[in-house]
Amino acid sequence: MERERVLTCAGLVPGDMIHAQVGAVLQFVGCVTETQAEHELFWAVDSIGQRRLIDLGSYEVYRLYPPFL
């Protein structure tokens, strides 16, 4: 799986697939739905519909590129 580290919300757009981790521990995988670039926050939803607010200051976030598996 190809991935790219996200350092700012300015580069994220709705529809981007991401995964968020703390250290080496995966915390969330989902699709970006909304961004608040001025606060470095974004909303994402996972495959079962759970929505999460992600703070770039708290997580290492990576944009995922197909194929996702």
PDB file of N, CA and C in Angstrom:
ATOM      1  N   MET A   1       0.848  -1.170   0.000  1.00  0.00           N
ATOM      2  CA  MET A   1       0.000   0.000   0.000  1.00  0.00           C
ATOM      3  C   MET A   1       0.894   1.234   0.000  1.00  0.00           C
ATOM      4  N   GLU A   2       0.634   2.135  -0.926  1.00  0.00           N
ATOM      5  CA  GLU A   2       1.379   3.386  -0.961  1.00  0.00           C
ATOM      6  C   GLU A   2       0.714   4.381  -0.032  1.00  0.00           C
ATOM      7  N   ARG A   3       1.558   5.209   0.614  1.00  0.00           N
ATOM      8  CA  ARG A   3       1.021   6.220   1.517  1.00  0.00           C
ATOM      9  C   ARG A   3       1.953   7.418   1.540  1.00  0.00           C
ATOM     10  N   GLU A   4       1.392   8.549   1.975  1.00  0.00           N
ATOM     11  CA  GLU A   4       2.132   9.799   2.061  1.00  0.00           C
ATOM     12  C   GLU A   4       1.760  10.487   3.373  1.00  0.00           C
ATOM     13  N   ARG A   5       2.745  10.917   4.121  1.00  0.00           N
ATOM     14  CA  ARG A   5       2.488  11.601   5.399  1.00  0.00           C
ATOM     15  C   ARG A   5       1.808  12.936   5.140  1.00  0.00           C
ATOM     16  N   VAL A   6       0.764  13.216   5.916  1.00  0.00           N
ATOM     17  CA  VAL A   6       0.030  14.474   5.828  1.00  0.00           C
ATOM     18  C   VAL A   6       0.529  15.371   6.956  1.00  0.00           C
ATOM     19  N   LEU A   7       1.080  16.514   6.608  1.00  0.00           N
ATOM     20  CA  LEU A   7       1.630  17.429   7.606  1.00  0.00           C
ATOM     21  C   LEU A   7       0.722  18.626   7.863  1.00  0.00           C
ATOM     22  N   THR A   8      -0.204  18.887   6.941  1.00  0.00           N
ATOM     23  CA  THR A   8      -1.140  19.996   7.086  1.00  0.00           C
ATOM     24  C   THR A   8      -2.475  19.625   6.457  1.00  0.00           C
ATOM     25  N   CYS A   9      -3.556  20.129   7.010  1.00  0.00           N
ATOM     26  CA  CYS A   9      -4.885  19.836   6.464  1.00  0.00           C
ATOM     27  C   CYS A   9      -5.123  20.518   5.117  1.00  0.00           C
ATOM     28  N   ALA A  10      -4.307  21.504   4.781  1.00  0.00           N
ATOM     29  CA  ALA A  10      -4.499  22.224   3.524  1.00  0.00           C
ATOM     30  C   ALA A  10      -4.435  21.286   2.317  1.00  0.00           C
ATOM     31  N   GLY A  11      -3.715  20.188   2.427  1.00  0.00           N
ATOM     32  CA  GLY A  11      -3.585  19.251   1.317  1.00  0.00           C
ATOM     33  C   GLY A  11      -4.644  18.169   1.273  1.00  0.00           C
ATOM     34  N   LEU A  12      -5.525  18.119   2.271  1.00  0.00           N
ATOM     35  CA  LEU A  12      -6.582  17.099   2.304  1.00  0.00           C
ATOM     36  C   LEU A  12      -7.845  17.613   1.640  1.00  0.00           C
ATOM     37  N   VAL A  13      -8.533  16.708   0.963  1.00  0.00           N
ATOM     38  CA  VAL A  13      -9.828  17.037   0.370  1.00  0.00           C
ATOM     39  C   VAL A  13     -10.811  15.916   0.700  1.00  0.00           C
ATOM     40  N   PRO A  14     -12.103  16.246   0.772  1.00  0.00           N
ATOM     41  CA  PRO A  14     -13.090  15.198   0.990  1.00  0.00           C
ATOM     42  C   PRO A  14     -12.927  14.083  -0.041  1.00  0.00           C
ATOM     43  N   GLY A  15     -12.970  12.854   0.452  1.00  0.00           N
ATOM     44  CA  GLY A  15     -12.789  11.686  -0.395  1.00  0.00           C
ATOM     45  C   GLY A  15     -11.422  11.038  -0.238  1.00  0.00           C
ATOM     46  N   ASP A  16     -10.445  11.779   0.318  1.00  0.00           N
ATOM     47  CA  ASP A  16      -9.127  11.185   0.560  1.00  0.00           C
ATOM     48  C   ASP A  16      -9.246  10.068   1.593  1.00  0.00           C
ATOM     49  N   MET A  17      -8.593   8.945   1.327  1.00  0.00           N
ATOM     50  CA  MET A  17      -8.506   7.860   2.303  1.00  0.00           C
ATOM     51  C   MET A  17      -7.282   8.105   3.169  1.00  0.00           C
ATOM     52  N   ILE A  18      -7.446   7.957   4.486  1.00  0.00           N
ATOM     53  CA  ILE A  18      -6.340   8.213   5.411  1.00  0.00           C
ATOM     54  C   ILE A  18      -6.248   7.099   6.449  1.00  0.00           C
ATOM     55  N   HIS A  19      -5.101   7.022   7.086  1.00  0.00           N
ATOM     56  CA  HIS A  19      -5.026   6.285   8.347  1.00  0.00           C
ATOM     57  C   HIS A  19      -4.278   7.158   9.328  1.00  0.00           C
ATOM     58  N   ALA A  20      -4.704   7.061  10.598  1.00  0.00           N
ATOM     59  CA  ALA A  20      -4.138   7.861  11.675  1.00  0.00           C
ATOM     60  C   ALA A  20      -3.565   6.920  12.714  1.00  0.00           C
ATOM     61  N   GLN A  21      -2.373   7.246  13.183  1.00  0.00           N
ATOM     62  CA  GLN A  21      -1.730   6.390  14.173  1.00  0.00           C
ATOM     63  C   GLN A  21      -1.061   7.238  15.243  1.00  0.00           C
ATOM     64  N   VAL A  22      -0.821   6.607  16.385  1.00  0.00           N
ATOM     65  CA  VAL A  22      -0.050   7.199  17.469  1.00  0.00           C
ATOM     66  C   VAL A  22       1.126   6.263  17.682  1.00  0.00           C
ATOM     67  N   GLY A  23       2.328   6.773  17.406  1.00  0.00           N
ATOM     68  CA  GLY A  23       3.494   5.898  17.418  1.00  0.00           C
ATOM     69  C   GLY A  23       3.309   4.871  16.321  1.00  0.00           C
ATOM     70  N   ALA A  24       3.462   3.609  16.658  1.00  0.00           N
ATOM     71  CA  ALA A  24       3.283   2.539  15.673  1.00  0.00           C
ATOM     72  C   ALA A  24       1.903   1.890  15.769  1.00  0.00           C
ATOM     73  N   VAL A  25       0.997   2.475  16.551  1.00  0.00           N
ATOM     74  CA  VAL A  25      -0.319   1.877  16.782  1.00  0.00           C
ATOM     75  C   VAL A  25      -1.374   2.563  15.920  1.00  0.00           C
ATOM     76  N   LEU A  26      -1.966   1.796  15.004  1.00  0.00           N
ATOM     77  CA  LEU A  26      -3.031   2.298  14.147  1.00  0.00           C
ATOM     78  C   LEU A  26      -4.261   2.593  14.987  1.00  0.00           C
ATOM     79  N   GLN A  27      -4.813   3.800  14.834  1.00  0.00           N
ATOM     80  CA  GLN A  27      -5.980   4.216  15.607  1.00  0.00           C
ATOM     81  C   GLN A  27      -7.257   4.327  14.773  1.00  0.00           C
ATOM     82  N   PHE A  28      -7.116   4.664  13.477  1.00  0.00           N
ATOM     83  CA  PHE A  28      -8.303   4.927  12.659  1.00  0.00           C
ATOM     84  C   PHE A  28      -7.943   4.840  11.182  1.00  0.00           C
ATOM     85  N   VAL A  29      -8.848   4.266  10.390  1.00  0.00           N
ATOM     86  CA  VAL A  29      -8.736   4.250   8.932  1.00  0.00           C
ATOM     87  C   VAL A  29     -10.071   4.718   8.387  1.00  0.00           C
ATOM     88  N   GLY A  30     -10.060   5.693   7.481  1.00  0.00           N
ATOM     89  CA  GLY A  30     -11.319   6.168   6.949  1.00  0.00           C
ATOM     90  C   GLY A  30     -11.154   7.149   5.809  1.00  0.00           C
ATOM     91  N   CYS A  31     -12.272   7.765   5.456  1.00  0.00           N
ATOM     92  CA  CYS A  31     -12.364   8.683   4.333  1.00  0.00           C
ATOM     93  C   CYS A  31     -12.641  10.087   4.860  1.00  0.00           C
ATOM     94  N   VAL A  32     -11.867  11.070   4.413  1.00  0.00           N
ATOM     95  CA  VAL A  32     -12.051  12.459   4.827  1.00  0.00           C
ATOM     96  C   VAL A  32     -13.407  12.947   4.333  1.00  0.00           C
ATOM     97  N   THR A  33     -14.160  13.597   5.225  1.00  0.00           N
ATOM     98  CA  THR A  33     -15.456  14.155   4.841  1.00  0.00           C
ATOM     99  C   THR A  33     -15.484  15.673   4.902  1.00  0.00           C
ATOM    100  N   GLU A  34     -14.669  16.261   5.774  1.00  0.00           N
ATOM    101  CA  GLU A  34     -14.690  17.714   5.961  1.00  0.00           C
ATOM    102  C   GLU A  34     -13.374  18.137   6.602  1.00  0.00           C
ATOM    103  N   THR A  35     -12.866  19.319   6.231  1.00  0.00           N
ATOM    104  CA  THR A  35     -11.629  19.814   6.831  1.00  0.00           C
ATOM    105  C   THR A  35     -11.845  21.178   7.475  1.00  0.00           C
ATOM    106  N   GLN A  36     -11.074  21.438   8.508  1.00  0.00           N
ATOM    107  CA  GLN A  36     -10.996  22.741   9.165  1.00  0.00           C
ATOM    108  C   GLN A  36      -9.515  23.116   9.173  1.00  0.00           C
ATOM    109  N   ALA A  37      -9.010  23.500   8.004  1.00  0.00           N
ATOM    110  CA  ALA A  37      -7.576  23.711   7.815  1.00  0.00           C
ATOM    111  C   ALA A  37      -7.007  24.752   8.771  1.00  0.00           C
ATOM    112  N   GLU A  38      -7.787  25.766   9.101  1.00  0.00           N
ATOM    113  CA  GLU A  38      -7.282  26.813   9.993  1.00  0.00           C
ATOM    114  C   GLU A  38      -6.993  26.294  11.401  1.00  0.00           C
ATOM    115  N   HIS A  39      -7.573  25.159  11.765  1.00  0.00           N
ATOM    116  CA  HIS A  39      -7.356  24.549  13.085  1.00  0.00           C
ATOM    117  C   HIS A  39      -6.587  23.232  12.997  1.00  0.00           C
ATOM    118  N   GLU A  40      -6.186  22.834  11.779  1.00  0.00           N
ATOM    119  CA  GLU A  40      -5.495  21.557  11.538  1.00  0.00           C
ATOM    120  C   GLU A  40      -6.316  20.367  12.045  1.00  0.00           C
ATOM    121  N   LEU A  41      -7.618  20.411  11.782  1.00  0.00           N
ATOM    122  CA  LEU A  41      -8.562  19.350  12.156  1.00  0.00           C
ATOM    123  C   LEU A  41      -9.306  18.889  10.905  1.00  0.00           C
ATOM    124  N   PHE A  42      -9.715  17.626  10.916  1.00  0.00           N
ATOM    125  CA  PHE A  42     -10.609  17.156   9.855  1.00  0.00           C
ATOM    126  C   PHE A  42     -11.470  16.023  10.388  1.00  0.00           C
ATOM    127  N   TRP A  43     -12.630  15.869   9.733  1.00  0.00           N
ATOM    128  CA  TRP A  43     -13.544  14.771  10.034  1.00  0.00           C
ATOM    129  C   TRP A  43     -13.307  13.668   9.022  1.00  0.00           C
ATOM    130  N   ALA A  44     -13.401  12.421   9.497  1.00  0.00           N
ATOM    131  CA  ALA A  44     -13.317  11.258   8.615  1.00  0.00           C
ATOM    132  C   ALA A  44     -14.320  10.218   9.097  1.00  0.00           C
ATOM    133  N   VAL A  45     -14.767   9.375   8.186  1.00  0.00           N
ATOM    134  CA  VAL A  45     -15.708   8.312   8.515  1.00  0.00           C
ATOM    135  C   VAL A  45     -15.092   6.982   8.096  1.00  0.00           C
ATOM    136  N   ASP A  46     -15.282   5.947   8.941  1.00  0.00           N
ATOM    137  CA  ASP A  46     -14.700   4.635   8.627  1.00  0.00           C
ATOM    138  C   ASP A  46     -15.692   3.767   7.858  1.00  0.00           C
ATOM    139  N   SER A  47     -15.313   2.545   7.592  1.00  0.00           N
ATOM    140  CA  SER A  47     -16.122   1.653   6.749  1.00  0.00           C
ATOM    141  C   SER A  47     -17.438   1.228   7.378  1.00  0.00           C
ATOM    142  N   ILE A  48     -17.595   1.404   8.684  1.00  0.00           N
ATOM    143  CA  ILE A  48     -18.876   1.052   9.325  1.00  0.00           C
ATOM    144  C   ILE A  48     -19.666   2.292   9.727  1.00  0.00           C
ATOM    145  N   GLY A  49     -19.207   3.461   9.256  1.00  0.00           N
ATOM    146  CA  GLY A  49     -19.964   4.687   9.463  1.00  0.00           C
ATOM    147  C   GLY A  49     -19.614   5.490  10.708  1.00  0.00           C
ATOM    148  N   GLN A  50     -18.619   5.068  11.458  1.00  0.00           N
ATOM    149  CA  GLN A  50     -18.207   5.842  12.628  1.00  0.00           C
ATOM    150  C   GLN A  50     -17.432   7.067  12.173  1.00  0.00           C
ATOM    151  N   ARG A  51     -17.814   8.218  12.706  1.00  0.00           N
ATOM    152  CA  ARG A  51     -17.193   9.479  12.342  1.00  0.00           C
ATOM    153  C   ARG A  51     -16.210   9.884  13.435  1.00  0.00           C
ATOM    154  N   ARG A  52     -15.055  10.404  13.032  1.00  0.00           N
ATOM    155  CA  ARG A  52     -14.026  10.785  14.013  1.00  0.00           C
ATOM    156  C   ARG A  52     -13.430  12.129  13.626  1.00  0.00           C
ATOM    157  N   LEU A  53     -13.202  12.971  14.637  1.00  0.00           N
ATOM    158  CA  LEU A  53     -12.490  14.225  14.446  1.00  0.00           C
ATOM    159  C   LEU A  53     -11.016  13.952  14.679  1.00  0.00           C
ATOM    160  N   ILE A  54     -10.184  14.250  13.685  1.00  0.00           N
ATOM    161  CA  ILE A  54      -8.754  13.968  13.749  1.00  0.00           C
ATOM    162  C   ILE A  54      -7.995  15.288  13.863  1.00  0.00           C
ATOM    163  N   ASP A  55      -7.128  15.358  14.858  1.00  0.00           N
ATOM    164  CA  ASP A  55      -6.273  16.526  15.101  1.00  0.00           C
ATOM    165  C   ASP A  55      -4.854  16.162  14.675  1.00  0.00           C
ATOM    166  N   LEU A  56      -4.309  16.893  13.711  1.00  0.00           N
ATOM    167  CA  LEU A  56      -2.968  16.571  13.218  1.00  0.00           C
ATOM    168  C   LEU A  56      -1.903  16.720  14.298  1.00  0.00           C
ATOM    169  N   GLY A  57      -2.185  17.453  15.345  1.00  0.00           N
ATOM    170  CA  GLY A  57      -1.239  17.584  16.441  1.00  0.00           C
ATOM    171  C   GLY A  57      -1.196  16.362  17.341  1.00  0.00           C
ATOM    172  N   SER A  58      -2.197  15.505  17.251  1.00  0.00           N
ATOM    173  CA  SER A  58      -2.288  14.333  18.122  1.00  0.00           C
ATOM    174  C   SER A  58      -1.987  13.019  17.419  1.00  0.00           C
ATOM    175  N   TYR A  59      -2.068  13.008  16.103  1.00  0.00           N
ATOM    176  CA  TYR A  59      -1.886  11.782  15.328  1.00  0.00           C
ATOM    177  C   TYR A  59      -0.841  11.975  14.234  1.00  0.00           C
ATOM    178  N   GLU A  60      -0.220  10.877  13.816  1.00  0.00           N
ATOM    179  CA  GLU A  60       0.516  10.831  12.559  1.00  0.00           C
ATOM    180  C   GLU A  60      -0.517  10.392  11.529  1.00  0.00           C
ATOM    181  N   VAL A  61      -0.724  11.188  10.505  1.00  0.00           N
ATOM    182  CA  VAL A  61      -1.755  10.896   9.508  1.00  0.00           C
ATOM    183  C   VAL A  61      -1.088  10.648   8.162  1.00  0.00           C
ATOM    184  N   TYR A  62      -1.585   9.616   7.468  1.00  0.00           N
ATOM    185  CA  TYR A  62      -1.071   9.255   6.147  1.00  0.00           C
ATOM    186  C   TYR A  62      -2.217   9.173   5.162  1.00  0.00           C
ATOM    187  N   ARG A  63      -2.039   9.763   3.978  1.00  0.00           N
ATOM    188  CA  ARG A  63      -2.986   9.607   2.885  1.00  0.00           C
ATOM    189  C   ARG A  63      -2.676   8.272   2.224  1.00  0.00           C
ATOM    190  N   LEU A  64      -3.701   7.494   1.944  1.00  0.00           N
ATOM    191  CA  LEU A  64      -3.531   6.186   1.314  1.00  0.00           C
ATOM    192  C   LEU A  64      -3.858   6.268  -0.164  1.00  0.00           C
ATOM    193  N   TYR A  65      -3.125   5.515  -0.966  1.00  0.00           N
ATOM    194  CA  TYR A  65      -3.350   5.456  -2.406  1.00  0.00           C
ATOM    195  C   TYR A  65      -3.737   4.040  -2.799  1.00  0.00           C
ATOM    196  N   PRO A  66      -4.662   3.901  -3.766  1.00  0.00           N
ATOM    197  CA  PRO A  66      -5.080   2.562  -4.191  1.00  0.00           C
ATOM    198  C   PRO A  66      -3.899   1.739  -4.687  1.00  0.00           C
ATOM    199  N   PRO A  67      -3.940   0.427  -4.557  1.00  0.00           N
ATOM    200  CA  PRO A  67      -4.975  -0.332  -3.838  1.00  0.00           C
ATOM    201  C   PRO A  67      -4.805  -0.189  -2.337  1.00  0.00           C
ATOM    202  N   PHE A  68      -5.940  -0.127  -1.626  1.00  0.00           N
ATOM    203  CA  PHE A  68      -5.935   0.125  -0.188  1.00  0.00           C
ATOM    204  C   PHE A  68      -5.593  -1.095   0.643  1.00  0.00           C
ATOM    205  N   LEU A  69      -5.708  -2.283   0.084  1.00  0.00           N
ATOM    206  CA  LEU A  69      -5.423  -3.495   0.851  1.00  0.00           C
ATOM    207  C   LEU A  69      -4.026  -3.990   0.590  1.00  0.00           C
TER     208      LEU A  69
END
